[in-house]
PDB file of N, CA and C in Angstrom:
ATOM      1  N   MET A   1       0.845  -1.168   0.000  1.00  0.00           N
ATOM      2  CA  MET A   1       0.000   0.000   0.000  1.00  0.00           C
ATOM      3  C   MET A   1       0.896   1.238   0.000  1.00  0.00           C
ATOM      4  N   THR A   2       0.486   2.251  -0.730  1.00  0.00           N
ATOM      5  CA  THR A   2       1.237   3.490  -0.823  1.00  0.00           C
ATOM      6  C   THR A   2       0.609   4.531   0.094  1.00  0.00           C
ATOM      7  N   ALA A   3       1.428   5.258   0.796  1.00  0.00           N
ATOM      8  CA  ALA A   3       0.952   6.310   1.695  1.00  0.00           C
ATOM      9  C   ALA A   3       1.231   7.667   1.076  1.00  0.00           C
ATOM     10  N   PHE A   4       0.347   8.622   1.336  1.00  0.00           N
ATOM     11  CA  PHE A   4       0.502   9.995   0.880  1.00  0.00           C
ATOM     12  C   PHE A   4       0.420  10.902   2.088  1.00  0.00           C
ATOM     13  N   THR A   5       1.094  12.023   1.996  1.00  0.00           N
ATOM     14  CA  THR A   5       1.011  13.027   3.046  1.00  0.00           C
ATOM     15  C   THR A   5       0.487  14.301   2.420  1.00  0.00           C
ATOM     16  N   ILE A   6      -0.503  14.890   3.066  1.00  0.00           N
ATOM     17  CA  ILE A   6      -0.979  16.201   2.618  1.00  0.00           C
ATOM     18  C   ILE A   6      -0.928  17.139   3.807  1.00  0.00           C
ATOM     19  N   GLU A   7      -0.781  18.405   3.508  1.00  0.00           N
ATOM     20  CA  GLU A   7      -0.739  19.404   4.561  1.00  0.00           C
ATOM     21  C   GLU A   7      -1.954  20.304   4.417  1.00  0.00           C
ATOM     22  N   LEU A   8      -2.654  20.504   5.541  1.00  0.00           N
ATOM     23  CA  LEU A   8      -3.812  21.385   5.587  1.00  0.00           C
ATOM     24  C   LEU A   8      -3.622  22.365   6.731  1.00  0.00           C
ATOM     25  N   PRO A   9      -4.165  23.559   6.597  1.00  0.00           N
ATOM     26  CA  PRO A   9      -4.148  24.472   7.746  1.00  0.00           C
ATOM     27  C   PRO A   9      -4.873  23.810   8.921  1.00  0.00           C
ATOM     28  N   ASP A  10      -4.400  24.059  10.130  1.00  0.00           N
ATOM     29  CA  ASP A  10      -4.970  23.413  11.315  1.00  0.00           C
ATOM     30  C   ASP A  10      -6.480  23.599  11.412  1.00  0.00           C
ATOM     31  N   ARG A  11      -6.965  24.810  11.127  1.00  0.00           N
ATOM     32  CA  ARG A  11      -8.411  25.061  11.207  1.00  0.00           C
ATOM     33  C   ARG A  11      -9.178  24.137  10.271  1.00  0.00           C
ATOM     34  N   LEU A  12      -8.685  23.961   9.065  1.00  0.00           N
ATOM     35  CA  LEU A  12      -9.354  23.110   8.085  1.00  0.00           C
ATOM     36  C   LEU A  12      -9.200  21.634   8.448  1.00  0.00           C
ATOM     37  N   ALA A  13      -8.046  21.249   8.923  1.00  0.00           N
ATOM     38  CA  ALA A  13      -7.808  19.850   9.288  1.00  0.00           C
ATOM     39  C   ALA A  13      -8.800  19.390  10.345  1.00  0.00           C
ATOM     40  N   LEU A  14      -9.111  20.259  11.302  1.00  0.00           N
ATOM     41  CA  LEU A  14     -10.059  19.894  12.359  1.00  0.00           C
ATOM     42  C   LEU A  14     -11.454  19.637  11.798  1.00  0.00           C
ATOM     43  N   ASP A  15     -11.802  20.267  10.685  1.00  0.00           N
ATOM     44  CA  ASP A  15     -13.095  20.006  10.042  1.00  0.00           C
ATOM     45  C   ASP A  15     -13.170  18.592   9.480  1.00  0.00           C
ATOM     46  N   PHE A  16     -12.020  17.979   9.252  1.00  0.00           N
ATOM     47  CA  PHE A  16     -11.971  16.627   8.686  1.00  0.00           C
ATOM     48  C   PHE A  16     -11.970  15.548   9.756  1.00  0.00           C
ATOM     49  N   GLY A  17     -11.867  15.924  11.020  1.00  0.00           N
ATOM     50  CA  GLY A  17     -11.921  14.934  12.092  1.00  0.00           C
ATOM     51  C   GLY A  17     -11.074  15.346  13.273  1.00  0.00           C
ATOM     52  N   GLU A  18     -11.368  14.717  14.400  1.00  0.00           N
ATOM     53  CA  GLU A  18     -10.669  15.034  15.648  1.00  0.00           C
ATOM     54  C   GLU A  18      -9.282  14.407  15.724  1.00  0.00           C
ATOM     55  N   THR A  19      -9.118  13.241  15.117  1.00  0.00           N
ATOM     56  CA  THR A  19      -7.848  12.516  15.201  1.00  0.00           C
ATOM     57  C   THR A  19      -7.205  12.401  13.828  1.00  0.00           C
ATOM     58  N   ALA A  20      -5.936  12.088  13.825  1.00  0.00           N
ATOM     59  CA  ALA A  20      -5.235  11.895  12.552  1.00  0.00           C
ATOM     60  C   ALA A  20      -5.874  10.750  11.755  1.00  0.00           C
ATOM     61  N   ALA A  21      -6.281   9.686  12.445  1.00  0.00           N
ATOM     62  CA  ALA A  21      -6.915   8.551  11.764  1.00  0.00           C
ATOM     63  C   ALA A  21      -8.250   8.953  11.145  1.00  0.00           C
ATOM     64  N   ALA A  22      -9.035   9.745  11.873  1.00  0.00           N
ATOM     65  CA  ALA A  22     -10.329  10.203  11.349  1.00  0.00           C
ATOM     66  C   ALA A  22     -10.130  11.122  10.150  1.00  0.00           C
ATOM     67  N   ARG A  23      -9.150  12.001  10.230  1.00  0.00           N
ATOM     68  CA  ARG A  23      -8.868  12.906   9.110  1.00  0.00           C
ATOM     69  C   ARG A  23      -8.401  12.122   7.896  1.00  0.00           C
ATOM     70  N   SER A  24      -7.537  11.166   8.127  1.00  0.00           N
ATOM     71  CA  SER A  24      -7.025  10.347   7.035  1.00  0.00           C
ATOM     72  C   SER A  24      -8.166   9.602   6.333  1.00  0.00           C
ATOM     73  N   ARG A  25      -9.072   9.030   7.118  1.00  0.00           N
ATOM     74  CA  ARG A  25     -10.208   8.298   6.545  1.00  0.00           C
ATOM     75  C   ARG A  25     -11.104   9.234   5.749  1.00  0.00           C
ATOM     76  N   ARG A  26     -11.363  10.406   6.293  1.00  0.00           N
ATOM     77  CA  ARG A  26     -12.236  11.370   5.603  1.00  0.00           C
ATOM     78  C   ARG A  26     -11.638  11.799   4.274  1.00  0.00           C
ATOM     79  N   VAL A  27     -10.346  12.078   4.245  1.00  0.00           N
ATOM     80  CA  VAL A  27      -9.686  12.470   2.999  1.00  0.00           C
ATOM     81  C   VAL A  27      -9.731  11.314   2.005  1.00  0.00           C
ATOM     82  N   LEU A  28      -9.521  10.096   2.473  1.00  0.00           N
ATOM     83  CA  LEU A  28      -9.586   8.923   1.603  1.00  0.00           C
ATOM     84  C   LEU A  28     -10.981   8.765   1.001  1.00  0.00           C
ATOM     85  N   GLU A  29     -12.015   8.953   1.821  1.00  0.00           N
ATOM     86  CA  GLU A  29     -13.387   8.860   1.320  1.00  0.00           C
ATOM     87  C   GLU A  29     -13.673   9.947   0.287  1.00  0.00           C
ATOM     88  N   CYS A  30     -13.217  11.168   0.561  1.00  0.00           N
ATOM     89  CA  CYS A  30     -13.410  12.268  -0.402  1.00  0.00           C
ATOM     90  C   CYS A  30     -12.706  11.964  -1.719  1.00  0.00           C
ATOM     91  N   PHE A  31     -11.502  11.438  -1.627  1.00  0.00           N
ATOM     92  CA  PHE A  31     -10.754  11.052  -2.822  1.00  0.00           C
ATOM     93  C   PHE A  31     -11.527  10.003  -3.622  1.00  0.00           C
ATOM     94  N   ALA A  32     -12.007   8.967  -2.938  1.00  0.00           N
ATOM     95  CA  ALA A  32     -12.718   7.877  -3.618  1.00  0.00           C
ATOM     96  C   ALA A  32     -13.978   8.390  -4.308  1.00  0.00           C
ATOM     97  N   ILE A  33     -14.742   9.241  -3.624  1.00  0.00           N
ATOM     98  CA  ILE A  33     -15.961   9.800  -4.214  1.00  0.00           C
ATOM     99  C   ILE A  33     -15.621  10.638  -5.439  1.00  0.00           C
ATOM    100  N   HIS A  34     -14.644  11.502  -5.312  1.00  0.00           N
ATOM    101  CA  HIS A  34     -14.264  12.369  -6.432  1.00  0.00           C
ATOM    102  C   HIS A  34     -13.811  11.551  -7.647  1.00  0.00           C
ATOM    103  N   GLU A  35     -12.955  10.587  -7.425  1.00  0.00           N
ATOM    104  CA  GLU A  35     -12.435   9.787  -8.537  1.00  0.00           C
ATOM    105  C   GLU A  35     -13.532   8.917  -9.164  1.00  0.00           C
ATOM    106  N   TYR A  36     -14.483   8.455  -8.367  1.00  0.00           N
ATOM    107  CA  TYR A  36     -15.619   7.692  -8.895  1.00  0.00           C
ATOM    108  C   TYR A  36     -16.497   8.589  -9.766  1.00  0.00           C
ATOM    109  N   ARG A  37     -16.796   9.781  -9.268  1.00  0.00           N
ATOM    110  CA  ARG A  37     -17.614  10.720 -10.046  1.00  0.00           C
ATOM    111  C   ARG A  37     -16.947  11.081 -11.369  1.00  0.00           C
ATOM    112  N   CYS A  38     -15.625  11.171 -11.366  1.00  0.00           N
ATOM    113  CA  CYS A  38     -14.883  11.505 -12.593  1.00  0.00           C
ATOM    114  C   CYS A  38     -14.711  10.301 -13.517  1.00  0.00           C
ATOM    115  N   GLY A  39     -15.086   9.128 -13.051  1.00  0.00           N
ATOM    116  CA  GLY A  39     -14.957   7.924 -13.862  1.00  0.00           C
ATOM    117  C   GLY A  39     -13.582   7.294 -13.825  1.00  0.00           C
ATOM    118  N   ARG A  40     -12.738   7.732 -12.918  1.00  0.00           N
ATOM    119  CA  ARG A  40     -11.392   7.170 -12.828  1.00  0.00           C
ATOM    120  C   ARG A  40     -11.301   5.990 -11.868  1.00  0.00           C
ATOM    121  N   LEU A  41     -12.328   5.804 -11.028  1.00  0.00           N
ATOM    122  CA  LEU A  41     -12.432   4.623 -10.175  1.00  0.00           C
ATOM    123  C   LEU A  41     -13.761   3.948 -10.465  1.00  0.00           C
ATOM    124  N   SER A  42     -13.743   2.639 -10.542  1.00  0.00           N
ATOM    125  CA  SER A  42     -14.981   1.877 -10.696  1.00  0.00           C
ATOM    126  C   SER A  42     -15.612   1.675  -9.322  1.00  0.00           C
ATOM    127  N   HIS A  43     -16.829   1.188  -9.327  1.00  0.00           N
ATOM    128  CA  HIS A  43     -17.528   0.856  -8.074  1.00  0.00           C
ATOM    129  C   HIS A  43     -16.678  -0.124  -7.267  1.00  0.00           C
ATOM    130  N   ARG A  44     -16.172  -1.150  -7.936  1.00  0.00           N
ATOM    131  CA  ARG A  44     -15.343  -2.158  -7.261  1.00  0.00           C
ATOM    132  C   ARG A  44     -14.089  -1.523  -6.672  1.00  0.00           C
ATOM    133  N   GLN A  45     -13.467  -0.622  -7.408  1.00  0.00           N
ATOM    134  CA  GLN A  45     -12.254   0.027  -6.921  1.00  0.00           C
ATOM    135  C   GLN A  45     -12.534   0.929  -5.718  1.00  0.00           C
ATOM    136  N   VAL A  46     -13.683   1.594  -5.698  1.00  0.00           N
ATOM    137  CA  VAL A  46     -14.058   2.392  -4.524  1.00  0.00           C
ATOM    138  C   VAL A  46     -14.112   1.483  -3.304  1.00  0.00           C
ATOM    139  N   GLY A  47     -14.774   0.339  -3.452  1.00  0.00           N
ATOM    140  CA  GLY A  47     -14.846  -0.614  -2.343  1.00  0.00           C
ATOM    141  C   GLY A  47     -13.482  -1.097  -1.911  1.00  0.00           C
ATOM    142  N   GLU A  48     -12.630  -1.352  -2.883  1.00  0.00           N
ATOM    143  CA  GLU A  48     -11.273  -1.823  -2.571  1.00  0.00           C
ATOM    144  C   GLU A  48     -10.495  -0.760  -1.801  1.00  0.00           C
ATOM    145  N   VAL A  49     -10.564   0.480  -2.249  1.00  0.00           N
ATOM    146  CA  VAL A  49      -9.855   1.582  -1.590  1.00  0.00           C
ATOM    147  C   VAL A  49     -10.335   1.759  -0.152  1.00  0.00           C
ATOM    148  N   LEU A  50     -11.655   1.606   0.049  1.00  0.00           N
ATOM    149  CA  LEU A  50     -12.239   1.862   1.366  1.00  0.00           C
ATOM    150  C   LEU A  50     -12.412   0.615   2.216  1.00  0.00           C
ATOM    151  N   GLY A  51     -12.029  -0.547   1.682  1.00  0.00           N
ATOM    152  CA  GLY A  51     -12.146  -1.785   2.441  1.00  0.00           C
ATOM    153  C   GLY A  51     -13.588  -2.203   2.657  1.00  0.00           C
ATOM    154  N   MET A  52     -14.415  -2.034   1.625  1.00  0.00           N
ATOM    155  CA  MET A  52     -15.845  -2.345   1.717  1.00  0.00           C
ATOM    156  C   MET A  52     -16.231  -3.400   0.691  1.00  0.00           C
ATOM    157  N   ASP A  53     -17.273  -4.171   1.021  1.00  0.00           N
ATOM    158  CA  ASP A  53     -17.814  -5.094   0.032  1.00  0.00           C
ATOM    159  C   ASP A  53     -18.781  -4.332  -0.876  1.00  0.00           C
ATOM    160  N   ARG A  54     -19.365  -5.038  -1.834  1.00  0.00           N
ATOM    161  CA  ARG A  54     -20.243  -4.392  -2.823  1.00  0.00           C
ATOM    162  C   ARG A  54     -21.398  -3.650  -2.154  1.00  0.00           C
ATOM    163  N   TRP A  55     -22.034  -4.283  -1.198  1.00  0.00           N
ATOM    164  CA  TRP A  55     -23.227  -3.708  -0.573  1.00  0.00           C
ATOM    165  C   TRP A  55     -22.858  -2.531   0.326  1.00  0.00           C
ATOM    166  N   GLN A  56     -21.749  -2.622   1.005  1.00  0.00           N
ATOM    167  CA  GLN A  56     -21.286  -1.499   1.823  1.00  0.00           C
ATOM    168  C   GLN A  56     -20.929  -0.311   0.935  1.00  0.00           C
ATOM    169  N   THR A  57     -20.328  -0.607  -0.215  1.00  0.00           N
ATOM    170  CA  THR A  57     -19.977   0.455  -1.160  1.00  0.00           C
ATOM    171  C   THR A  57     -21.231   1.115  -1.691  1.00  0.00           C
ATOM    172  N   ASP A  58     -22.252   0.315  -2.042  1.00  0.00           N
ATOM    173  CA  ASP A  58     -23.528   0.879  -2.485  1.00  0.00           C
ATOM    174  C   ASP A  58     -24.093   1.815  -1.426  1.00  0.00           C
ATOM    175  N   SER A  59     -24.115   1.355  -0.177  1.00  0.00           N
ATOM    176  CA  SER A  59     -24.651   2.169   0.925  1.00  0.00           C
ATOM    177  C   SER A  59     -23.842   3.441   1.118  1.00  0.00           C
ATOM    178  N   PHE A  60     -22.518   3.305   1.083  1.00  0.00           N
ATOM    179  CA  PHE A  60     -21.633   4.448   1.245  1.00  0.00           C
ATOM    180  C   PHE A  60     -21.934   5.514   0.198  1.00  0.00           C
ATOM    181  N   LEU A  61     -22.009   5.115  -1.073  1.00  0.00           N
ATOM    182  CA  LEU A  61     -22.267   6.069  -2.149  1.00  0.00           C
ATOM    183  C   LEU A  61     -23.674   6.652  -2.041  1.00  0.00           C
ATOM    184  N   CYS A  62     -24.647   5.818  -1.729  1.00  0.00           N
ATOM    185  CA  CYS A  62     -26.032   6.268  -1.604  1.00  0.00           C
ATOM    186  C   CYS A  62     -26.179   7.283  -0.465  1.00  0.00           C
ATOM    187  N   GLU A  63     -25.595   6.998   0.679  1.00  0.00           N
ATOM    188  CA  GLU A  63     -25.680   7.914   1.829  1.00  0.00           C
ATOM    189  C   GLU A  63     -25.092   9.277   1.511  1.00  0.00           C
ATOM    190  N   ARG A  64     -24.150   9.311   0.616  1.00  0.00           N
ATOM    191  CA  ARG A  64     -23.506  10.572   0.240  1.00  0.00           C
ATOM    192  C   ARG A  64     -24.083  11.156  -1.037  1.00  0.00           C
ATOM    193  N   LYS A  65     -25.197  10.554  -1.484  1.00  0.00           N
ATOM    194  CA  LYS A  65     -25.941  11.029  -2.662  1.00  0.00           C
ATOM    195  C   LYS A  65     -25.077  11.048  -3.929  1.00  0.00           C
ATOM    196  N   VAL A  66     -24.234  10.030  -4.065  1.00  0.00           N
ATOM    197  CA  VAL A  66     -23.395   9.881  -5.252  1.00  0.00           C
ATOM    198  C   VAL A  66     -24.118   8.936  -6.200  1.00  0.00           C
ATOM    199  N   PRO A  67     -24.514   9.415  -7.381  1.00  0.00           N
ATOM    200  CA  PRO A  67     -25.227   8.538  -8.301  1.00  0.00           C
ATOM    201  C   PRO A  67     -24.308   7.430  -8.834  1.00  0.00           C
ATOM    202  N   LEU A  68     -24.887   6.255  -9.016  1.00  0.00           N
ATOM    203  CA  LEU A  68     -24.121   5.145  -9.570  1.00  0.00           C
ATOM    204  C   LEU A  68     -23.775   5.435 -11.022  1.00  0.00           C
ATOM    205  N   ASN A  69     -22.595   5.071 -11.425  1.00  0.00           N
ATOM    206  CA  ASN A  69     -22.175   5.201 -12.824  1.00  0.00           C
ATOM    207  C   ASN A  69     -22.739   4.008 -13.593  1.00  0.00           C
ATOM    208  N   TYR A  70     -24.001   4.114 -13.983  1.00  0.00           N
ATOM    209  CA  TYR A  70     -24.693   3.018 -14.656  1.00  0.00           C
ATOM    210  C   TYR A  70     -25.585   3.647 -15.713  1.00  0.00           C
ATOM    211  N   SER A  71     -25.190   3.477 -16.965  1.00  0.00           N
ATOM    212  CA  SER A  71     -25.883   4.136 -18.065  1.00  0.00           C
ATOM    213  C   SER A  71     -27.002   3.268 -18.633  1.00  0.00           C
ATOM    214  N   ILE A  72     -27.776   3.858 -19.516  1.00  0.00           N
ATOM    215  CA  ILE A  72     -28.813   3.111 -20.237  1.00  0.00           C
ATOM    216  C   ILE A  72     -28.162   1.986 -21.038  1.00  0.00           C
ATOM    217  N   GLU A  73     -26.998   2.258 -21.601  1.00  0.00           N
ATOM    218  CA  GLU A  73     -26.281   1.231 -22.362  1.00  0.00           C
ATOM    219  C   GLU A  73     -25.896   0.058 -21.453  1.00  0.00           C
ATOM    220  N   ASP A  74     -25.487   0.360 -20.222  1.00  0.00           N
ATOM    221  CA  ASP A  74     -25.170  -0.696 -19.254  1.00  0.00           C
ATOM    222  C   ASP A  74     -26.413  -1.536 -18.965  1.00  0.00           C
ATOM    223  N   LEU A  75     -27.545  -0.864 -18.767  1.00  0.00           N
ATOM    224  CA  LEU A  75     -28.799  -1.568 -18.499  1.00  0.00           C
ATOM    225  C   LEU A  75     -29.176  -2.473 -19.668  1.00  0.00           C
ATOM    226  N   GLU A  76     -29.081  -1.947 -20.883  1.00  0.00           N
ATOM    227  CA  GLU A  76     -29.434  -2.745 -22.060  1.00  0.00           C
ATOM    228  C   GLU A  76     -28.512  -3.955 -22.205  1.00  0.00           C
ATOM    229  N   ALA A  77     -27.236  -3.760 -21.952  1.00  0.00           N
ATOM    230  CA  ALA A  77     -26.289  -4.881 -22.030  1.00  0.00           C
ATOM    231  C   ALA A  77     -26.601  -5.918 -20.962  1.00  0.00           C
ATOM    232  N   ASP A  78     -26.931  -5.476 -19.760  1.00  0.00           N
ATOM    233  CA  ASP A  78     -27.277  -6.413 -18.689  1.00  0.00           C
ATOM    234  C   ASP A  78     -28.562  -7.165 -19.000  1.00  0.00           C
ATOM    235  N   ARG A  79     -29.538  -6.484 -19.562  1.00  0.00           N
ATOM    236  CA  ARG A  79     -30.795  -7.147 -19.933  1.00  0.00           C
ATOM    237  C   ARG A  79     -30.548  -8.201 -21.008  1.00  0.00           C
ATOM    238  N   ALA A  80     -29.723  -7.886 -22.002  1.00  0.00           N
ATOM    239  CA  ALA A  80     -29.415  -8.841 -23.063  1.00  0.00           C
ATOM    240  C   ALA A  80     -28.674 -10.056 -22.505  1.00  0.00           C
ATOM    241  N   THR A  81     -27.743  -9.813 -21.602  1.00  0.00           N
ATOM    242  CA  THR A  81     -27.004 -10.918 -20.987  1.00  0.00           C
ATOM    243  C   THR A  81     -27.939 -11.807 -20.183  1.00  0.00           C
ATOM    244  N   LEU A  82     -28.802 -11.194 -19.404  1.00  0.00           N
ATOM    245  CA  LEU A  82     -29.762 -11.963 -18.604  1.00  0.00           C
ATOM    246  C   LEU A  82     -30.693 -12.784 -19.492  1.00  0.00           C
ATOM    247  N   ALA A  83     -31.179 -12.184 -20.558  1.00  0.00           N
ATOM    248  CA  ALA A  83     -32.064 -12.910 -21.476  1.00  0.00           C
ATOM    249  C   ALA A  83     -31.328 -14.093 -22.099  1.00  0.00           C
ATOM    250  N   ARG A  84     -30.070 -13.884 -22.456  1.00  0.00           N
ATOM    251  CA  ARG A  84     -29.276 -14.967 -23.054  1.00  0.00           C
ATOM    252  C   ARG A  84     -29.070 -16.091 -22.045  1.00  0.00           C
ATOM    253  N   ILE A  85     -28.746 -15.739 -20.824  1.00  0.00           N
ATOM    254  CA  ILE A  85     -28.526 -16.751 -19.782  1.00  0.00           C
ATOM    255  C   ILE A  85     -29.808 -17.518 -19.473  1.00  0.00           C
ATOM    256  N   MET A  86     -30.923 -16.797 -19.459  1.00  0.00           N
ATOM    257  CA  MET A  86     -32.208 -17.418 -19.122  1.00  0.00           C
ATOM    258  C   MET A  86     -32.833 -18.106 -20.331  1.00  0.00           C
ATOM    259  N   GLY A  87     -32.220 -17.963 -21.513  1.00  0.00           N
ATOM    260  CA  GLY A  87     -32.750 -18.593 -22.710  1.00  0.00           C
ATOM    261  C   GLY A  87     -34.004 -17.918 -23.225  1.00  0.00           C
ATOM    262  N   GLU A  88     -34.147 -16.637 -22.933  1.00  0.00           N
ATOM    263  CA  GLU A  88     -35.314 -15.881 -23.379  1.00  0.00           C
ATOM    264  C   GLU A  88     -34.917 -14.985 -24.534  1.00  0.00           C
ATOM    265  N   PRO A  89     -35.893 -14.620 -25.368  1.00  0.00           N
ATOM    266  CA  PRO A  89     -35.574 -13.687 -26.443  1.00  0.00           C
ATOM    267  C   PRO A  89     -35.186 -12.332 -25.867  1.00  0.00           C
ATOM    268  N   THR A  90     -34.308 -11.626 -26.551  1.00  0.00           N
ATOM    269  CA  THR A  90     -33.885 -10.315 -26.067  1.00  0.00           C
ATOM    270  C   THR A  90     -35.027  -9.322 -26.177  1.00  0.00           C
ATOM    271  N   ILE A  91     -35.053  -8.359 -25.280  1.00  0.00           N
ATOM    272  CA  ILE A  91     -36.098  -7.347 -25.226  1.00  0.00           C
ATOM    273  C   ILE A  91     -35.601  -6.172 -26.048  1.00  0.00           C
ATOM    274  N   PRO A  92     -36.386  -5.734 -27.024  1.00  0.00           N
ATOM    275  CA  PRO A  92     -35.926  -4.601 -27.859  1.00  0.00           C
ATOM    276  C   PRO A  92     -35.864  -3.308 -27.104  1.00  0.00           C
TER     277      PRO A  92
END
């Protein structure tokens, strides 16, 4: 694992948490959310960075009102895959 050091003014650092561990976690969460919104981290990678499983990651993003990166094209591809697996005709 790679560690990073950032410097913040004391007043601002206290807004991120009371302890160094709390501040570190908050900055990590902010990083993960930002990179996910920008499309540079996948849902799975957010969970990996934060040590969460799929469902915890869903809850984490939902609680912070971060929309899932799931397009209409993703939905259509998933529907086609499901239809193929279930042996059903694809839905137009």
